[in-house]
Amino acid sequence: WLGLGSLWALEIRRPLTPAQLADGQPTYHSIRGSVKRLLGGVDDITPGKPVVLVEGMFDRLSVHQAAGELVTPCALGTARGAQYAPWLLRLATVPQVLVALDRDDPGDHAAAWWLQVLGSRALRWMPDPGFKDPNAMLQALGPDALRAWVHAGLALAQPSPTAVTDSPLPMGEGQGEGL
């Protein structure tokens, strides 16, 4: 995980058996010293170009493959991993953010935070029913379907007249831990 010209984290995907996955063993192992305040793709954010926030790096790569010229995909690492002021400042420069976190309870909970912080520029854009994340959609439906999904989200999102919000970032219960 790279950002702002620095290495923030190094993760290894563990080769788990289906039984180990069923036991809830973690899929990824972070090398000691890795920082959990991640936003994969932060250096690719371009003022004026919409962003799609996803949880995992494979989701980011999937959106980039299917619709990279339309949006800048950014991966949070976990549902709440990127709640960090420098990343929020970068996101303040874009007109639209599709909050495409996983279709599950952690994704829904984190999406609520991102929607509150990003305001009218953000739209909760869940993967199609039957799919947990954009990578699963790409694998099952192909790049044209994932691109159409991104395009539909952008059509529904309300771009703001200016990229910067009028009010300071809201600070509610449990939000200080990531900032």
C-alpha atoms as a PDB file:
ATOM      1  CA  TRP A   1       0.000   0.000   0.000  1.00  0.00           C
ATOM      2  CA  LEU A   2       1.562   3.241  -1.206  1.00  0.00           C
ATOM      3  CA  GLY A   3       0.376   6.785  -0.601  1.00  0.00           C
ATOM      4  CA  LEU A   4       1.794  10.282  -0.750  1.00  0.00           C
ATOM      5  CA  GLY A   5       5.079   8.826  -1.961  1.00  0.00           C
ATOM      6  CA  SER A   6       5.527   6.488   1.019  1.00  0.00           C
ATOM      7  CA  LEU A   7       5.044   2.810   1.764  1.00  0.00           C
ATOM      8  CA  TRP A   8       2.266   2.568   4.384  1.00  0.00           C
ATOM      9  CA  ALA A   9       1.669  -1.140   4.579  1.00  0.00           C
ATOM     10  CA  LEU A  10       2.646  -4.506   3.211  1.00  0.00           C
ATOM     11  CA  GLU A  11       0.058  -7.273   3.246  1.00  0.00           C
ATOM     12  CA  ILE A  12       0.298 -10.888   2.221  1.00  0.00           C
ATOM     13  CA  ARG A  13      -2.728 -12.847   1.056  1.00  0.00           C
ATOM     14  CA  ARG A  14      -2.655 -16.163   2.869  1.00  0.00           C
ATOM     15  CA  PRO A  15      -3.399 -19.338   0.873  1.00  0.00           C
ATOM     16  CA  LEU A  16      -6.250 -20.628   3.012  1.00  0.00           C
ATOM     17  CA  THR A  17      -8.268 -23.770   2.507  1.00  0.00           C
ATOM     18  CA  PRO A  18     -12.067 -23.529   2.436  1.00  0.00           C
ATOM     19  CA  ALA A  19     -12.120 -25.042   5.956  1.00  0.00           C
ATOM     20  CA  GLN A  20      -9.759 -22.345   7.250  1.00  0.00           C
ATOM     21  CA  LEU A  21     -11.900 -19.650   5.646  1.00  0.00           C
ATOM     22  CA  ALA A  22     -15.001 -21.165   7.249  1.00  0.00           C
ATOM     23  CA  ASP A  23     -13.215 -21.010  10.623  1.00  0.00           C
ATOM     24  CA  GLY A  24     -12.836 -17.260  10.143  1.00  0.00           C
ATOM     25  CA  GLN A  25      -9.067 -17.192   9.816  1.00  0.00           C
ATOM     26  CA  PRO A  26      -7.858 -13.869   8.386  1.00  0.00           C
ATOM     27  CA  THR A  27      -7.246 -13.866   4.664  1.00  0.00           C
ATOM     28  CA  TYR A  28      -4.503 -11.232   4.837  1.00  0.00           C
ATOM     29  CA  HIS A  29      -1.465 -10.864   7.071  1.00  0.00           C
ATOM     30  CA  SER A  30       0.015  -7.398   7.606  1.00  0.00           C
ATOM     31  CA  ILE A  31       3.753  -7.153   8.067  1.00  0.00           C
ATOM     32  CA  ARG A  32       4.771  -5.574  11.403  1.00  0.00           C
ATOM     33  CA  GLY A  33       4.966  -1.796  11.101  1.00  0.00           C
ATOM     34  CA  SER A  34       2.186  -1.561   8.539  1.00  0.00           C
ATOM     35  CA  VAL A  35      -0.195   1.339   9.108  1.00  0.00           C
ATOM     36  CA  LYS A  36      -3.929   0.651   8.856  1.00  0.00           C
ATOM     37  CA  ARG A  37      -4.863   4.130   7.642  1.00  0.00           C
ATOM     38  CA  LEU A  38      -4.865   3.093   4.025  1.00  0.00           C
ATOM     39  CA  LEU A  39      -6.321   4.542   0.862  1.00  0.00           C
ATOM     40  CA  GLY A  40      -4.980   2.583  -2.062  1.00  0.00           C
ATOM     41  CA  GLY A  41      -4.924   4.807  -5.124  1.00  0.00           C
ATOM     42  CA  VAL A  42      -4.785   8.102  -3.209  1.00  0.00           C
ATOM     43  CA  ASP A  43      -1.953   9.332  -5.415  1.00  0.00           C
ATOM     44  CA  ASP A  44      -4.145   8.760  -8.496  1.00  0.00           C
ATOM     45  CA  ILE A  45      -6.914  11.101  -7.278  1.00  0.00           C
ATOM     46  CA  THR A  46      -7.288  13.936  -9.765  1.00  0.00           C
ATOM     47  CA  PRO A  47      -9.263  17.062  -8.883  1.00  0.00           C
ATOM     48  CA  GLY A  48     -12.491  17.034 -10.860  1.00  0.00           C
ATOM     49  CA  LYS A  49     -12.512  13.266 -11.576  1.00  0.00           C
ATOM     50  CA  PRO A  50     -15.023  11.114  -9.641  1.00  0.00           C
ATOM     51  CA  VAL A  51     -13.815   8.487  -7.160  1.00  0.00           C
ATOM     52  CA  VAL A  52     -15.181   5.037  -6.343  1.00  0.00           C
ATOM     53  CA  LEU A  53     -14.385   3.935  -2.777  1.00  0.00           C
ATOM     54  CA  VAL A  54     -14.111   0.164  -2.391  1.00  0.00           C
ATOM     55  CA  GLU A  55     -12.827  -2.016   0.442  1.00  0.00           C
ATOM     56  CA  GLY A  56     -10.209  -4.252  -1.094  1.00  0.00           C
ATOM     57  CA  MET A  57      -7.320  -3.925  -3.497  1.00  0.00           C
ATOM     58  CA  PHE A  58      -8.817  -6.539  -5.827  1.00  0.00           C
ATOM     59  CA  ASP A  59     -12.012  -4.453  -5.956  1.00  0.00           C
ATOM     60  CA  ARG A  60      -9.905  -1.403  -6.809  1.00  0.00           C
ATOM     61  CA  LEU A  61      -8.126  -3.262  -9.594  1.00  0.00           C
ATOM     62  CA  SER A  62     -11.453  -4.559 -10.936  1.00  0.00           C
ATOM     63  CA  VAL A  63     -12.993  -1.074 -11.135  1.00  0.00           C
ATOM     64  CA  HIS A  64      -9.788   0.281 -12.667  1.00  0.00           C
ATOM     65  CA  GLN A  65      -9.854  -2.457 -15.325  1.00  0.00           C
ATOM     66  CA  ALA A  66     -13.495  -1.885 -16.232  1.00  0.00           C
ATOM     67  CA  ALA A  67     -13.881   1.882 -15.822  1.00  0.00           C
ATOM     68  CA  GLY A  68     -10.539   3.484 -14.965  1.00  0.00           C
ATOM     69  CA  GLU A  69     -10.977   6.271 -17.497  1.00  0.00           C
ATOM     70  CA  LEU A  70     -14.313   7.260 -15.892  1.00  0.00           C
ATOM     71  CA  VAL A  71     -13.310   7.186 -12.218  1.00  0.00           C
ATOM     72  CA  THR A  72     -10.400   6.833  -9.849  1.00  0.00           C
ATOM     73  CA  PRO A  73     -10.947   3.708  -7.751  1.00  0.00           C
ATOM     74  CA  CYS A  74      -9.549   3.849  -4.204  1.00  0.00           C
ATOM     75  CA  ALA A  75      -9.328   0.960  -1.723  1.00  0.00           C
ATOM     76  CA  LEU A  76      -9.816   1.489   2.002  1.00  0.00           C
ATOM     77  CA  GLY A  77      -8.112  -1.721   3.113  1.00  0.00           C
ATOM     78  CA  THR A  78     -10.973  -2.385   5.529  1.00  0.00           C
ATOM     79  CA  ALA A  79     -14.401  -0.874   5.844  1.00  0.00           C
ATOM     80  CA  ARG A  80     -13.077   1.869   8.172  1.00  0.00           C
ATOM     81  CA  GLY A  81      -9.391   1.867   7.318  1.00  0.00           C
ATOM     82  CA  ALA A  82      -8.982   5.203   5.548  1.00  0.00           C
ATOM     83  CA  GLN A  83     -10.686   7.581   7.974  1.00  0.00           C
ATOM     84  CA  TYR A  84      -7.651   9.837   7.999  1.00  0.00           C
ATOM     85  CA  ALA A  85      -7.511  13.608   7.439  1.00  0.00           C
ATOM     86  CA  PRO A  86      -4.955  13.665   4.542  1.00  0.00           C
ATOM     87  CA  TRP A  87      -7.095  11.236   2.559  1.00  0.00           C
ATOM     88  CA  LEU A  88     -10.246  13.259   3.263  1.00  0.00           C
ATOM     89  CA  LEU A  89      -8.497  16.369   1.976  1.00  0.00           C
ATOM     90  CA  ARG A  90      -7.733  14.575  -1.292  1.00  0.00           C
ATOM     91  CA  LEU A  91     -11.345  13.418  -1.581  1.00  0.00           C
ATOM     92  CA  ALA A  92     -12.513  17.013  -1.046  1.00  0.00           C
ATOM     93  CA  THR A  93     -11.167  17.841  -4.514  1.00  0.00           C
ATOM     94  CA  VAL A  94     -13.497  15.543  -6.446  1.00  0.00           C
ATOM     95  CA  PRO A  95     -17.078  16.223  -7.578  1.00  0.00           C
ATOM     96  CA  GLN A  96     -18.557  12.763  -6.904  1.00  0.00           C
ATOM     97  CA  VAL A  97     -17.727   9.774  -4.727  1.00  0.00           C
ATOM     98  CA  LEU A  98     -19.443   6.427  -5.173  1.00  0.00           C
ATOM     99  CA  VAL A  99     -19.205   4.680  -1.805  1.00  0.00           C
ATOM    100  CA  ALA A 100     -19.123   1.105  -3.122  1.00  0.00           C
ATOM    101  CA  LEU A 101     -18.174  -0.745   0.040  1.00  0.00           C
ATOM    102  CA  ASP A 102     -19.043  -4.417   0.442  1.00  0.00           C
ATOM    103  CA  ARG A 103     -22.650  -5.498   0.667  1.00  0.00           C
ATOM    104  CA  ASP A 104     -22.458  -6.565   4.340  1.00  0.00           C
ATOM    105  CA  ASP A 105     -22.874  -5.093   7.839  1.00  0.00           C
ATOM    106  CA  PRO A 106     -19.320  -3.664   8.138  1.00  0.00           C
ATOM    107  CA  GLY A 107     -19.627  -2.149   4.660  1.00  0.00           C
ATOM    108  CA  ASP A 108     -23.014  -0.611   5.469  1.00  0.00           C
ATOM    109  CA  HIS A 109     -21.761   0.805   8.786  1.00  0.00           C
ATOM    110  CA  ALA A 110     -18.638   2.333   7.227  1.00  0.00           C
ATOM    111  CA  ALA A 111     -20.616   3.671   4.261  1.00  0.00           C
ATOM    112  CA  ALA A 112     -22.816   5.663   6.660  1.00  0.00           C
ATOM    113  CA  TRP A 113     -19.700   7.410   8.013  1.00  0.00           C
ATOM    114  CA  TRP A 114     -18.370   8.208   4.529  1.00  0.00           C
ATOM    115  CA  LEU A 115     -21.759   9.525   3.399  1.00  0.00           C
ATOM    116  CA  GLN A 116     -21.942  11.819   6.428  1.00  0.00           C
ATOM    117  CA  VAL A 117     -18.414  13.137   5.949  1.00  0.00           C
ATOM    118  CA  LEU A 118     -18.557  13.558   2.175  1.00  0.00           C
ATOM    119  CA  GLY A 119     -22.065  15.000   2.118  1.00  0.00           C
ATOM    120  CA  SER A 120     -24.019  15.557  -1.073  1.00  0.00           C
ATOM    121  CA  ARG A 121     -21.077  14.567  -3.277  1.00  0.00           C
ATOM    122  CA  ALA A 122     -21.328  10.956  -2.098  1.00  0.00           C
ATOM    123  CA  LEU A 123     -23.720   8.165  -3.025  1.00  0.00           C
ATOM    124  CA  ARG A 124     -23.957   4.708  -1.442  1.00  0.00           C
ATOM    125  CA  TRP A 125     -23.546   2.510  -4.514  1.00  0.00           C
ATOM    126  CA  MET A 126     -23.716  -1.128  -3.498  1.00  0.00           C
ATOM    127  CA  PRO A 127     -22.743  -3.988  -5.745  1.00  0.00           C
ATOM    128  CA  ASP A 128     -25.619  -5.580  -7.599  1.00  0.00           C
ATOM    129  CA  PRO A 129     -27.756  -7.959  -5.517  1.00  0.00           C
ATOM    130  CA  GLY A 130     -26.132 -11.342  -5.262  1.00  0.00           C
ATOM    131  CA  PHE A 131     -22.603  -9.897  -5.269  1.00  0.00           C
ATOM    132  CA  LYS A 132     -20.584  -8.854  -2.231  1.00  0.00           C
ATOM    133  CA  ASP A 133     -18.191  -6.503  -4.014  1.00  0.00           C
ATOM    134  CA  PRO A 134     -17.126  -5.140  -7.425  1.00  0.00           C
ATOM    135  CA  ASN A 135     -14.528  -7.883  -7.894  1.00  0.00           C
ATOM    136  CA  ALA A 136     -17.221 -10.562  -7.583  1.00  0.00           C
ATOM    137  CA  MET A 137     -19.310  -8.674 -10.143  1.00  0.00           C
ATOM    138  CA  LEU A 138     -16.383  -8.522 -12.560  1.00  0.00           C
ATOM    139  CA  GLN A 139     -15.654 -12.221 -12.215  1.00  0.00           C
ATOM    140  CA  ALA A 140     -19.273 -13.238 -12.780  1.00  0.00           C
ATOM    141  CA  LEU A 141     -20.523 -10.630 -15.254  1.00  0.00           C
ATOM    142  CA  GLY A 142     -17.417  -9.281 -16.997  1.00  0.00           C
ATOM    143  CA  PRO A 143     -15.941  -5.810 -17.466  1.00  0.00           C
ATOM    144  CA  ASP A 144     -18.788  -4.390 -19.561  1.00  0.00           C
ATOM    145  CA  ALA A 145     -21.324  -5.037 -16.775  1.00  0.00           C
ATOM    146  CA  LEU A 146     -19.033  -3.540 -14.120  1.00  0.00           C
ATOM    147  CA  ARG A 147     -18.440  -0.494 -16.316  1.00  0.00           C
ATOM    148  CA  ALA A 148     -22.204  -0.084 -16.802  1.00  0.00           C
ATOM    149  CA  TRP A 149     -22.662  -0.311 -13.004  1.00  0.00           C
ATOM    150  CA  VAL A 150     -20.094   2.484 -12.465  1.00  0.00           C
ATOM    151  CA  HIS A 151     -21.666   4.592 -15.211  1.00  0.00           C
ATOM    152  CA  ALA A 152     -25.146   4.178 -13.664  1.00  0.00           C
ATOM    153  CA  GLY A 153     -23.825   5.259 -10.254  1.00  0.00           C
ATOM    154  CA  LEU A 154     -22.250   8.378 -11.699  1.00  0.00           C
ATOM    155  CA  ALA A 155     -25.513   9.253 -13.438  1.00  0.00           C
ATOM    156  CA  LEU A 156     -27.362   9.065 -10.101  1.00  0.00           C
ATOM    157  CA  ALA A 157     -24.768  10.840  -7.965  1.00  0.00           C
ATOM    158  CA  GLN A 158     -25.307  14.529  -7.501  1.00  0.00           C
ATOM    159  CA  PRO A 159     -22.146  16.437  -8.425  1.00  0.00           C
ATOM    160  CA  SER A 160     -21.567  19.441  -6.213  1.00  0.00           C
ATOM    161  CA  PRO A 161     -21.025  22.869  -7.780  1.00  0.00           C
ATOM    162  CA  THR A 162     -17.739  23.034  -5.869  1.00  0.00           C
ATOM    163  CA  ALA A 163     -15.632  20.133  -4.697  1.00  0.00           C
ATOM    164  CA  VAL A 164     -15.029  21.498  -1.200  1.00  0.00           C
ATOM    165  CA  THR A 165     -17.742  21.195   1.440  1.00  0.00           C
ATOM    166  CA  ASP A 166     -19.077  24.287   3.214  1.00  0.00           C
ATOM    167  CA  SER A 167     -18.765  22.954   6.743  1.00  0.00           C
ATOM    168  CA  PRO A 168     -16.012  21.346   8.774  1.00  0.00           C
ATOM    169  CA  LEU A 169     -15.824  17.573   8.955  1.00  0.00           C
ATOM    170  CA  PRO A 170     -18.413  16.155  11.355  1.00  0.00           C
ATOM    171  CA  MET A 171     -16.998  14.484  14.420  1.00  0.00           C
ATOM    172  CA  GLY A 172     -19.396  12.023  15.967  1.00  0.00           C
ATOM    173  CA  GLU A 173     -19.099   9.029  18.236  1.00  0.00           C
ATOM    174  CA  GLY A 174     -16.200   6.749  17.345  1.00  0.00           C
ATOM    175  CA  GLN A 175     -14.939   8.910  14.502  1.00  0.00           C
ATOM    176  CA  GLY A 176     -11.865  10.334  16.185  1.00  0.00           C
ATOM    177  CA  GLU A 177     -10.077   6.983  16.146  1.00  0.00           C
ATOM    178  CA  GLY A 178      -9.447   7.107  12.413  1.00  0.00           C
ATOM    179  CA  LEU A 179      -8.564  10.778  12.081  1.00  0.00           C
END
